[in-house]
Structure formats: structure tokens, C-alpha cells
């Protein structure tokens, strides 16, 4: 059975990256911090150089959320009229069936 992946805090990563950039060696820092290898530290340094401090912050897990449906104000006039037309057609059909049922009862 494999161990779950270790996660490290933003502050921990930033401190190690800064010490590496100050001149300490990656293998020595990795051993002192208990990292599985110096490669992990070097990947943090690459990310830090490429994207800055925010690259070391934790990323949200999972799939991004879908944007909610647009607010009613953003629905186009055409779409609003289509929906109203559909609702009115359903209402007319309902009333027609209701009339037919009442006519059957009166016979």
C-alpha cells in the first residue's frame, strides 16, 4: 500500500526556496527538511522563479465549478419571448383539455 502524498505549507516551501536562493545546497536543505528528494525543492524553486510567490500557495482540489446560469437581466429579449411563448402554449393546451373534460362530464 502506498503512502498518501505529503503536503507542505506555503510558509515551509517559501522558507526553503529562500534559503536555496541565498546559497544553501538543495541536497542539504532537502535532507534537513525531510523531503523525499532535492528534486522536489528544485521544482518549487522553478515555480517560484516562473510565477512568483503565488506559485507556492496550495491549489484548489478538484474540477473547477461551472459558472451559474446568467442572471435574468442578462437573458436576451428573444430568449425571454421564446420562454413566454412556450409557457402560453402549455397554458392553452391545459385549458383546452380542461374544457374537454368538463364537456364530457356534462353529457
N, C-alpha and C. Protein backbone atom coordinates (compact mmCIF):
# COMPACT_ATOMS: atom_id res chain seq x y z
N UNK A 1 0.85 -1.18 0.00
CA UNK A 1 0.00 0.00 0.00
C UNK A 1 0.89 1.25 0.00
N UNK A 2 0.55 2.23 -0.84
CA UNK A 2 1.37 3.44 -0.94
C UNK A 2 0.92 4.48 0.07
N UNK A 3 1.86 5.30 0.47
CA UNK A 3 1.55 6.39 1.40
C UNK A 3 0.88 7.52 0.64
N UNK A 4 -0.04 8.23 1.29
CA UNK A 4 -0.62 9.39 0.62
C UNK A 4 0.45 10.46 0.42
N UNK A 5 0.27 11.26 -0.61
CA UNK A 5 1.25 12.30 -0.92
C UNK A 5 1.35 13.30 0.23
N UNK A 6 2.55 13.66 0.57
CA UNK A 6 2.80 14.63 1.64
C UNK A 6 2.48 16.02 1.12
N UNK A 7 1.82 16.83 1.93
CA UNK A 7 1.59 18.21 1.53
C UNK A 7 2.37 19.12 2.48
N UNK A 8 2.86 20.22 1.94
CA UNK A 8 3.69 21.15 2.71
C UNK A 8 3.02 22.51 2.70
N UNK A 9 3.18 23.23 3.79
CA UNK A 9 2.57 24.55 3.89
C UNK A 9 3.30 25.55 3.00
N UNK A 10 2.59 26.61 2.69
CA UNK A 10 3.16 27.69 1.89
C UNK A 10 4.40 28.27 2.56
N UNK A 11 4.30 28.50 3.87
CA UNK A 11 5.42 29.10 4.61
C UNK A 11 6.64 28.20 4.58
N UNK A 12 6.43 26.89 4.73
CA UNK A 12 7.52 25.91 4.70
C UNK A 12 8.25 25.96 3.35
N UNK A 13 7.47 25.92 2.27
CA UNK A 13 8.05 25.94 0.93
C UNK A 13 8.82 27.25 0.69
N UNK A 14 8.20 28.36 1.07
CA UNK A 14 8.82 29.67 0.84
C UNK A 14 10.14 29.78 1.59
N UNK A 15 10.17 29.31 2.83
CA UNK A 15 11.40 29.39 3.63
C UNK A 15 12.52 28.57 2.98
N UNK A 16 12.19 27.36 2.51
CA UNK A 16 13.22 26.54 1.86
C UNK A 16 13.70 27.15 0.56
N UNK A 17 12.78 27.68 -0.23
CA UNK A 17 13.16 28.30 -1.51
C UNK A 17 14.07 29.50 -1.26
N UNK A 18 13.72 30.32 -0.27
CA UNK A 18 14.54 31.49 0.02
C UNK A 18 15.93 31.09 0.50
N UNK A 19 16.01 30.05 1.32
CA UNK A 19 17.33 29.59 1.78
C UNK A 19 18.16 29.05 0.61
N UNK A 20 17.49 28.35 -0.33
CA UNK A 20 18.19 27.84 -1.51
C UNK A 20 18.72 29.00 -2.34
N UNK A 21 17.88 30.01 -2.55
CA UNK A 21 18.30 31.16 -3.35
C UNK A 21 19.39 31.98 -2.65
N UNK A 22 19.48 31.85 -1.33
CA UNK A 22 20.52 32.54 -0.57
C UNK A 22 21.86 31.81 -0.66
N UNK A 23 21.84 30.59 -1.23
CA UNK A 23 23.12 29.91 -1.45
C UNK A 23 23.26 28.54 -0.82
N UNK A 24 22.29 28.09 -0.03
CA UNK A 24 22.39 26.74 0.55
C UNK A 24 22.12 25.71 -0.54
N UNK A 25 22.67 24.51 -0.38
CA UNK A 25 22.52 23.48 -1.42
C UNK A 25 21.19 22.74 -1.27
N UNK A 26 20.67 22.32 -2.41
CA UNK A 26 19.38 21.62 -2.43
C UNK A 26 19.44 20.30 -1.66
N UNK A 27 20.47 19.45 -1.85
CA UNK A 27 20.50 18.19 -1.10
C UNK A 27 20.54 18.40 0.42
N UNK A 28 21.31 19.38 0.87
CA UNK A 28 21.41 19.63 2.31
C UNK A 28 20.07 20.12 2.86
N UNK A 29 19.42 21.03 2.15
CA UNK A 29 18.12 21.53 2.59
C UNK A 29 17.06 20.43 2.58
N UNK A 30 17.07 19.61 1.53
CA UNK A 30 16.09 18.52 1.43
C UNK A 30 16.26 17.54 2.58
N UNK A 31 17.48 17.21 2.90
CA UNK A 31 17.73 16.27 4.00
C UNK A 31 17.31 16.88 5.33
N UNK A 32 17.65 18.13 5.56
CA UNK A 32 17.30 18.80 6.81
C UNK A 32 15.78 18.90 6.98
N UNK A 33 15.07 19.18 5.88
CA UNK A 33 13.62 19.37 5.95
C UNK A 33 12.85 18.05 5.89
N UNK A 34 13.55 16.96 5.59
CA UNK A 34 12.88 15.66 5.50
C UNK A 34 12.13 15.45 4.20
N UNK A 35 12.56 16.13 3.14
CA UNK A 35 11.95 15.93 1.83
C UNK A 35 12.41 14.61 1.24
N UNK A 36 11.59 14.03 0.38
CA UNK A 36 11.94 12.75 -0.23
C UNK A 36 13.15 12.89 -1.16
N UNK A 37 13.29 14.06 -1.80
CA UNK A 37 14.46 14.30 -2.65
C UNK A 37 14.64 15.79 -2.90
N UNK A 38 15.81 16.14 -3.37
CA UNK A 38 16.12 17.54 -3.67
C UNK A 38 15.37 17.99 -4.92
N UNK A 39 14.90 17.05 -5.73
CA UNK A 39 14.17 17.39 -6.95
C UNK A 39 12.90 18.16 -6.60
N UNK A 40 12.25 17.79 -5.51
CA UNK A 40 11.04 18.48 -5.08
C UNK A 40 11.35 19.95 -4.79
N UNK A 41 12.40 20.20 -4.06
CA UNK A 41 12.80 21.57 -3.75
C UNK A 41 13.13 22.34 -5.03
N UNK A 42 13.82 21.70 -5.95
CA UNK A 42 14.17 22.37 -7.21
C UNK A 42 12.92 22.71 -8.03
N UNK A 43 11.90 21.86 -7.95
CA UNK A 43 10.65 22.17 -8.68
C UNK A 43 9.96 23.38 -8.05
N UNK A 44 10.02 23.49 -6.72
CA UNK A 44 9.45 24.67 -6.06
C UNK A 44 10.21 25.93 -6.48
N UNK A 45 11.54 25.83 -6.58
CA UNK A 45 12.36 26.98 -6.98
C UNK A 45 12.02 27.40 -8.42
N UNK A 46 11.86 26.42 -9.31
CA UNK A 46 11.50 26.74 -10.71
C UNK A 46 10.15 27.46 -10.76
N UNK A 47 9.18 26.93 -10.02
CA UNK A 47 7.85 27.54 -9.99
C UNK A 47 7.92 28.94 -9.42
N UNK A 48 8.70 29.12 -8.37
CA UNK A 48 8.86 30.44 -7.73
C UNK A 48 9.47 31.43 -8.72
N UNK A 49 10.48 31.01 -9.45
CA UNK A 49 11.12 31.90 -10.43
C UNK A 49 10.19 32.24 -11.58
N UNK A 50 9.37 31.28 -11.98
CA UNK A 50 8.48 31.45 -13.12
C UNK A 50 7.24 32.29 -12.77
N UNK A 51 6.60 32.00 -11.60
CA UNK A 51 5.32 32.63 -11.28
C UNK A 51 5.32 33.47 -10.02
N UNK A 52 6.44 33.47 -9.30
CA UNK A 52 6.50 34.27 -8.07
C UNK A 52 5.98 33.50 -6.87
N UNK A 53 5.74 34.23 -5.81
CA UNK A 53 5.34 33.65 -4.52
C UNK A 53 4.06 32.83 -4.62
N UNK A 54 3.11 33.28 -5.43
CA UNK A 54 1.81 32.59 -5.53
C UNK A 54 1.94 31.16 -6.06
N UNK A 55 3.02 30.86 -6.74
CA UNK A 55 3.22 29.51 -7.25
C UNK A 55 3.37 28.50 -6.13
N UNK A 56 3.76 28.95 -4.96
CA UNK A 56 3.97 28.04 -3.83
C UNK A 56 2.71 27.85 -2.99
N UNK A 57 1.69 28.64 -3.26
CA UNK A 57 0.44 28.53 -2.48
C UNK A 57 -0.30 27.26 -2.89
N UNK A 58 -1.09 26.69 -1.97
CA UNK A 58 -1.85 25.47 -2.31
C UNK A 58 -2.88 25.75 -3.40
N UNK A 59 -3.06 24.79 -4.29
CA UNK A 59 -4.01 24.92 -5.38
C UNK A 59 -5.33 24.26 -4.96
N UNK A 60 -6.48 24.79 -5.42
CA UNK A 60 -7.75 24.16 -5.08
C UNK A 60 -7.83 22.77 -5.71
N UNK A 61 -8.41 21.84 -5.00
CA UNK A 61 -8.52 20.47 -5.47
C UNK A 61 -9.79 20.31 -6.29
N UNK A 62 -9.78 19.36 -7.19
CA UNK A 62 -10.98 19.01 -7.94
C UNK A 62 -11.20 19.85 -9.18
N UNK A 63 -12.33 19.59 -9.78
CA UNK A 63 -12.71 20.26 -11.02
C UNK A 63 -13.27 21.65 -10.72
N UNK A 64 -12.95 22.64 -11.53
CA UNK A 64 -13.49 23.97 -11.28
C UNK A 64 -15.02 23.96 -11.40
N UNK A 65 -15.67 24.81 -10.63
CA UNK A 65 -17.12 24.88 -10.66
C UNK A 65 -17.60 25.49 -11.96
N UNK A 66 -18.76 25.02 -12.42
CA UNK A 66 -19.36 25.62 -13.60
C UNK A 66 -19.94 26.98 -13.21
N UNK A 67 -19.87 27.92 -14.09
CA UNK A 67 -20.49 29.20 -13.76
C UNK A 67 -22.01 29.01 -13.70
N UNK A 68 -22.64 29.69 -12.76
CA UNK A 68 -24.09 29.59 -12.63
C UNK A 68 -24.75 30.18 -13.87
N UNK A 69 -26.04 29.88 -14.02
CA UNK A 69 -26.77 30.42 -15.17
C UNK A 69 -26.76 31.95 -15.08
N UNK A 70 -26.82 32.59 -16.23
CA UNK A 70 -26.74 34.06 -16.22
C UNK A 70 -27.93 34.65 -15.47
N UNK A 71 -27.75 35.76 -14.82
CA UNK A 71 -28.86 36.41 -14.12
C UNK A 71 -29.97 36.76 -15.10
N UNK A 72 -31.21 36.86 -14.62
CA UNK A 72 -32.32 37.15 -15.53
C UNK A 72 -32.13 38.41 -16.36
N UNK A 73 -31.42 39.38 -15.84
CA UNK A 73 -31.22 40.63 -16.59
C UNK A 73 -30.39 40.40 -17.85
N UNK A 74 -29.57 39.35 -17.85
CA UNK A 74 -28.69 39.10 -18.99
C UNK A 74 -29.34 38.23 -20.07
N UNK A 75 -30.55 37.68 -19.80
CA UNK A 75 -31.23 36.86 -20.80
C UNK A 75 -31.73 37.79 -21.90
N UNK A 76 -31.49 37.38 -23.13
CA UNK A 76 -31.86 38.26 -24.25
C UNK A 76 -33.38 38.37 -24.37
N UNK A 77 -33.79 39.42 -25.00
CA UNK A 77 -35.22 39.66 -25.22
C UNK A 77 -35.83 38.51 -26.01
N UNK A 78 -35.11 38.02 -27.01
CA UNK A 78 -35.60 36.91 -27.83
C UNK A 78 -35.81 35.66 -26.98
N UNK A 79 -34.84 35.36 -26.13
CA UNK A 79 -34.95 34.18 -25.27
C UNK A 79 -36.11 34.33 -24.30
N UNK A 80 -36.31 35.52 -23.76
CA UNK A 80 -37.43 35.76 -22.84
C UNK A 80 -38.77 35.55 -23.55
N UNK A 81 -38.88 36.05 -24.77
CA UNK A 81 -40.11 35.89 -25.54
C UNK A 81 -40.36 34.42 -25.90
N UNK A 82 -39.30 33.70 -26.21
CA UNK A 82 -39.46 32.27 -26.52
C UNK A 82 -39.99 31.50 -25.31
N UNK A 83 -39.44 31.80 -24.14
CA UNK A 83 -39.91 31.14 -22.92
C UNK A 83 -41.37 31.48 -22.63
N UNK A 84 -41.71 32.76 -22.79
CA UNK A 84 -43.10 33.18 -22.55
C UNK A 84 -44.04 32.49 -23.53
N UNK A 85 -43.62 32.39 -24.79
CA UNK A 85 -44.42 31.73 -25.81
C UNK A 85 -44.64 30.25 -25.44
N UNK A 86 -43.60 29.59 -25.00
CA UNK A 86 -43.69 28.19 -24.60
C UNK A 86 -44.66 28.02 -23.42
N UNK A 87 -44.56 28.92 -22.45
CA UNK A 87 -45.45 28.85 -21.28
C UNK A 87 -46.90 29.07 -21.69
N UNK A 88 -47.14 30.04 -22.58
CA UNK A 88 -48.50 30.31 -23.03
C UNK A 88 -49.08 29.15 -23.84
N UNK A 89 -48.27 28.50 -24.66
CA UNK A 89 -48.74 27.33 -25.41
C UNK A 89 -49.16 26.22 -24.45
N UNK A 90 -48.34 26.00 -23.40
CA UNK A 90 -48.69 24.96 -22.41
C UNK A 90 -49.98 25.32 -21.69
N UNK A 91 -50.17 26.60 -21.39
CA UNK A 91 -51.39 27.04 -20.71
C UNK A 91 -52.62 26.83 -21.59
N UNK A 92 -52.52 27.16 -22.87
CA UNK A 92 -53.62 26.96 -23.81
C UNK A 92 -53.96 25.47 -23.92
N UNK A 93 -52.94 24.63 -24.03
CA UNK A 93 -53.17 23.19 -24.12
C UNK A 93 -53.87 22.67 -22.86
N UNK A 94 -53.45 23.14 -21.69
CA UNK A 94 -54.05 22.72 -20.42
C UNK A 94 -55.52 23.13 -20.37
N UNK A 95 -55.80 24.38 -20.73
CA UNK A 95 -57.18 24.87 -20.69
C UNK A 95 -58.05 24.12 -21.70
N UNK A 96 -57.51 23.78 -22.85
CA UNK A 96 -58.27 23.01 -23.84
C UNK A 96 -58.65 21.63 -23.30
N UNK A 97 -57.73 20.97 -22.63
CA UNK A 97 -58.02 19.66 -22.04
C UNK A 97 -59.04 19.78 -20.92
N UNK A 98 -58.94 20.85 -20.14
CA UNK A 98 -59.88 21.08 -19.04
C UNK A 98 -61.30 21.28 -19.60
N UNK A 99 -61.43 22.06 -20.67
CA UNK A 99 -62.74 22.26 -21.31
C UNK A 99 -63.30 20.94 -21.82
N UNK A 100 -62.44 20.13 -22.43
CA UNK A 100 -62.89 18.84 -22.97
C UNK A 100 -63.38 17.94 -21.84
N UNK A 101 -62.71 17.91 -20.71
CA UNK A 101 -63.14 17.10 -19.57
C UNK A 101 -64.48 17.59 -19.01
N UNK A 102 -64.64 18.88 -18.90
CA UNK A 102 -65.91 19.44 -18.39
C UNK A 102 -67.04 19.13 -19.36
N UNK A 103 -66.78 19.19 -20.66
CA UNK A 103 -67.80 18.88 -21.65
C UNK A 103 -68.22 17.41 -21.55
N UNK A 104 -67.27 16.52 -21.27
CA UNK A 104 -67.57 15.08 -21.11
C UNK A 104 -68.47 14.87 -19.90
N UNK A 105 -68.20 15.54 -18.79
CA UNK A 105 -68.99 15.38 -17.57
C UNK A 105 -70.42 15.85 -17.75
N UNK A 106 -70.64 16.89 -18.57
CA UNK A 106 -71.97 17.45 -18.75
C UNK A 106 -72.85 16.56 -19.63
N UNK A 107 -72.30 15.66 -20.37
CA UNK A 107 -73.10 14.82 -21.25
C UNK A 107 -73.80 13.75 -20.51
